Protein backbone atom coordinates (compact mmCIF):
# COMPACT_ATOMS: atom_id res chain seq x y z
CA MET A 1 26.22 7.14 32.85
CA ASP A 2 27.03 7.24 35.61
CA THR A 3 29.92 5.24 36.83
CA ASP A 4 28.49 5.01 40.83
CA THR A 5 25.00 4.09 39.16
CA ASP A 6 27.06 1.52 36.94
CA GLU A 7 28.37 -0.04 40.40
CA GLN A 8 25.05 0.51 41.90
CA VAL A 9 23.09 -1.77 39.81
CA ASP A 10 25.51 -4.35 39.30
CA PRO A 11 25.38 -6.26 42.68
CA THR A 12 21.51 -5.34 42.44
CA VAL A 13 20.98 -7.89 38.63
CA GLN A 14 23.37 -10.31 39.85
CA ALA A 15 22.44 -11.14 42.70
CA MET A 16 19.13 -11.28 40.45
CA ARG A 17 20.07 -13.65 38.23
CA ASP A 18 22.04 -15.66 41.53
CA ALA A 19 17.72 -15.78 42.49
CA GLY A 20 16.23 -17.59 39.22
CA VAL A 21 14.70 -13.70 38.29
CA ALA A 22 14.54 -12.89 34.72
CA THR A 23 16.58 -9.47 34.13
CA ASP A 24 15.31 -8.52 30.55
CA THR A 25 12.13 -8.42 28.72
CA GLY A 26 11.75 -9.22 24.93
CA VAL A 27 9.85 -7.07 23.18
CA TYR A 28 7.69 -8.14 20.12
CA VAL A 29 8.43 -6.00 16.35
CA ASP A 30 5.67 -5.61 14.01
CA TYR A 31 8.25 -7.49 10.94
CA PHE A 32 5.27 -7.06 9.00
CA GLY A 33 5.05 -3.12 8.80
CA PHE A 34 8.67 -2.97 7.20
CA ASP A 35 8.33 0.51 5.74
CA GLU A 36 11.72 2.54 5.53
CA THR A 37 11.55 5.57 3.51
CA ARG A 38 13.92 9.00 3.71
CA ASN A 39 14.88 11.74 1.27
CA VAL A 40 16.90 12.47 -1.14
CA PRO A 41 17.98 15.84 -1.60
CA LEU A 42 18.88 17.43 -5.14
CA PRO A 43 21.17 19.69 -5.74
CA ASP A 44 19.28 22.73 -5.61
CA GLY A 45 18.74 21.89 -1.51
CA VAL A 46 14.99 22.18 -1.97
CA SER A 47 13.66 19.90 -4.00
CA TYR A 48 13.84 16.03 -2.97
CA VAL A 49 12.66 12.88 -4.30
CA THR A 50 11.53 10.21 -1.25
CA ILE A 51 12.28 6.57 -1.42
CA GLN A 52 11.90 3.28 -0.08
CA ALA A 53 13.78 0.36 1.60
CA LEU A 54 12.45 -2.45 -0.58
CA ASN A 55 10.74 -5.55 1.64
CA GLU A 56 10.81 -8.32 0.82
CA GLY A 57 8.23 -8.86 -1.30
CA ALA A 58 9.86 -5.88 -3.65
CA PRO A 59 12.39 -7.58 -5.01
CA ARG A 60 10.71 -10.75 -5.62
CA ASN A 61 8.45 -8.11 -8.36
CA TYR A 62 11.58 -6.50 -9.44
CA LEU A 63 13.55 -9.25 -10.55
CA ASN A 64 10.31 -11.06 -11.90
CA GLN A 65 9.83 -7.63 -13.97
CA VAL A 66 13.60 -8.18 -14.74
CA ASN A 67 14.84 -10.78 -15.01
CA LYS A 68 15.30 -11.76 -19.10
CA ASP A 69 13.72 -14.63 -21.24
CA ILE A 70 16.80 -17.22 -22.77
CA ARG A 71 15.97 -19.12 -25.89
CA ILE A 72 18.46 -21.68 -27.75
CA GLU A 73 17.65 -22.12 -31.13
CA ARG A 74 17.84 -26.87 -32.10
CA GLN A 75 19.57 -26.29 -34.60
CA THR A 76 22.64 -23.79 -34.58
CA GLY A 77 22.49 -24.58 -30.59
CA ASP A 78 23.07 -19.91 -30.15
CA ALA A 79 21.37 -19.08 -27.20
CA ARG A 80 19.39 -15.90 -27.13
CA MET A 81 18.68 -12.61 -24.41
CA LYS A 82 17.00 -9.77 -24.82
CA VAL A 83 18.40 -7.35 -22.72
CA ALA A 84 17.04 -3.73 -21.57
CA SER A 85 18.99 -2.49 -18.74
CA GLY A 86 17.66 1.28 -19.30
CA ASP A 87 13.98 -0.66 -18.44
CA ASP A 88 15.90 -2.59 -15.55
CA ARG A 89 16.87 0.83 -13.63
CA HIS A 90 13.66 2.67 -14.60
CA THR A 91 12.12 -0.67 -13.05
CA LEU A 92 14.28 -0.59 -10.08
CA LEU A 93 13.65 3.79 -9.59
CA ARG A 94 9.67 3.36 -9.74
CA ALA A 95 9.45 0.31 -7.34
CA ALA A 96 11.94 3.50 -4.62
CA ILE A 97 10.72 5.46 -5.50
CA VAL A 98 7.76 6.57 -2.92
CA GLY A 99 6.94 10.50 -3.39
CA TRP A 100 8.71 13.75 -4.01
CA HIS A 101 8.83 17.38 -3.78
CA LEU A 102 9.07 18.42 -7.25
CA LYS A 103 8.52 21.75 -9.37
CA ARG A 104 7.77 22.27 -13.19
CA ARG A 105 7.66 25.12 -15.22
CA ASN A 106 4.40 25.98 -16.41
CA ASP A 107 3.88 26.28 -19.98
CA ARG A 108 1.66 29.28 -19.55
CA THR A 109 2.15 31.57 -16.87
CA ASP A 110 5.73 30.69 -16.31
CA ALA A 111 5.97 29.83 -13.03
CA LEU A 112 7.06 27.40 -11.06
CA GLU A 113 4.33 24.85 -9.92
CA ASP A 114 4.47 21.46 -7.81
CA VAL A 115 4.24 18.18 -9.19
CA PRO A 116 2.02 15.48 -7.40
CA PHE A 117 3.47 12.79 -7.71
CA THR A 118 1.25 10.15 -9.99
CA ALA A 119 2.67 7.03 -12.02
CA GLY A 120 2.11 9.60 -14.75
CA ASN A 121 4.30 11.51 -13.70
CA MET A 122 6.87 9.19 -12.67
CA ASN A 123 7.53 8.21 -15.93
CA LYS A 124 7.54 11.64 -17.68
CA PHE A 125 10.94 12.47 -14.47
CA LEU A 126 12.47 9.41 -16.10
CA GLU A 127 12.35 10.12 -19.00
CA ALA A 128 13.29 14.22 -18.63
CA ALA A 129 15.46 14.21 -15.98
CA ASN A 130 18.81 14.73 -16.42
CA PRO A 131 20.97 11.68 -15.75
CA LYS A 132 23.01 13.07 -13.40
CA ILE A 133 20.09 13.21 -10.82
CA ILE A 134 18.71 9.91 -12.15
CA ASP A 135 22.07 8.61 -11.02
CA ILE A 136 22.00 9.61 -7.63
CA ILE A 137 18.53 9.08 -7.16
CA GLU A 138 19.55 5.27 -8.12
CA LYS A 139 22.83 5.14 -6.02
CA GLU A 140 21.08 5.75 -2.63
CA VAL A 141 18.35 3.75 -3.70
CA ARG A 142 21.41 1.00 -4.29
CA LYS A 143 22.72 1.51 -0.77
CA ASP A 144 19.41 1.12 1.10
CA ASN A 145 18.83 -2.05 -0.40
CA GLU A 146 21.91 -3.59 -0.78
CA TRP A 147 20.44 -7.44 -1.63
CA LEU A 148 20.73 -5.20 -5.08
CA VAL A 149 24.78 -5.83 -4.80
CA GLY A 150 24.04 -9.26 -6.64
CA ASP A 151 23.46 -7.88 -9.81
CA VAL A 152 26.13 -5.28 -9.71
CA THR A 153 29.51 -5.92 -12.09
CA ILE A 154 33.06 -5.37 -10.90
CA GLU A 155 32.15 -3.12 -14.17
CA ASP A 156 30.19 -1.09 -12.55
CA ILE A 157 32.08 -1.50 -9.38
CA ASP A 158 35.31 0.49 -11.93
CA LYS A 159 33.31 2.53 -13.13
CA GLN A 160 32.41 3.95 -9.52
CA ILE A 161 35.50 3.86 -8.72
CA GLU A 162 36.46 6.43 -11.68
CA GLU A 163 33.78 8.43 -11.17
CA LEU A 164 35.38 9.31 -7.65
CA GLN A 165 38.51 9.59 -8.53
CA ALA A 166 37.51 12.34 -11.15
CA LEU A 167 35.66 13.99 -8.24
CA ARG A 168 38.29 13.91 -5.96
CA VAL A 169 40.14 15.48 -8.95
CA LYS A 170 38.05 18.24 -8.97
CA LYS A 171 37.29 18.76 -5.43
CA VAL A 172 40.91 19.04 -4.23
CA ALA A 173 40.98 21.58 -7.54
CA GLU A 174 38.07 23.41 -6.31
CA GLN A 175 40.01 23.78 -2.65
CA GLU A 176 43.31 24.46 -4.05
CA GLY A 177 41.15 27.03 -5.95
CA LYS A 178 40.17 28.64 -2.69
CA GLY A 179 42.92 28.38 -1.10
CA SER A 180 44.86 30.84 -3.70
């Protein structure tokens, strides 16, 4: 901003305030219309998956789906809990992925064809995709949904640190190879 303009406005604003005139006007926001989506580019540079930041209802649904029953045996006092962390991951991705631009090879024609975004195709994608691709998407979903940090363990964080350190070593080696 131009400082001369700021100096000219300030006395006017101050005079209005001194006279009891409001200088700010609030603007209503639609808090019912939360909708944040973005595209996560995939390594080929042309394909992408569209993810959403989950609204307040989505975390509740996600947590209700992934919470596990605990059973306590009366005679022994032993507690048993069924754990299916792979299901947790897919449940999260199903809630967050809202679209995509993906292609799949047609077995008959050998041509790449658009894959419509449907629940069935989502299930096929989650089952058949390269785990590295799913990791990319999951990391981006977790970035957009800070409430998921509560689900992250110290071991998860340590694993991410190790992955980043390995990636750094690889990148340094690549840059040194290009510089020689």
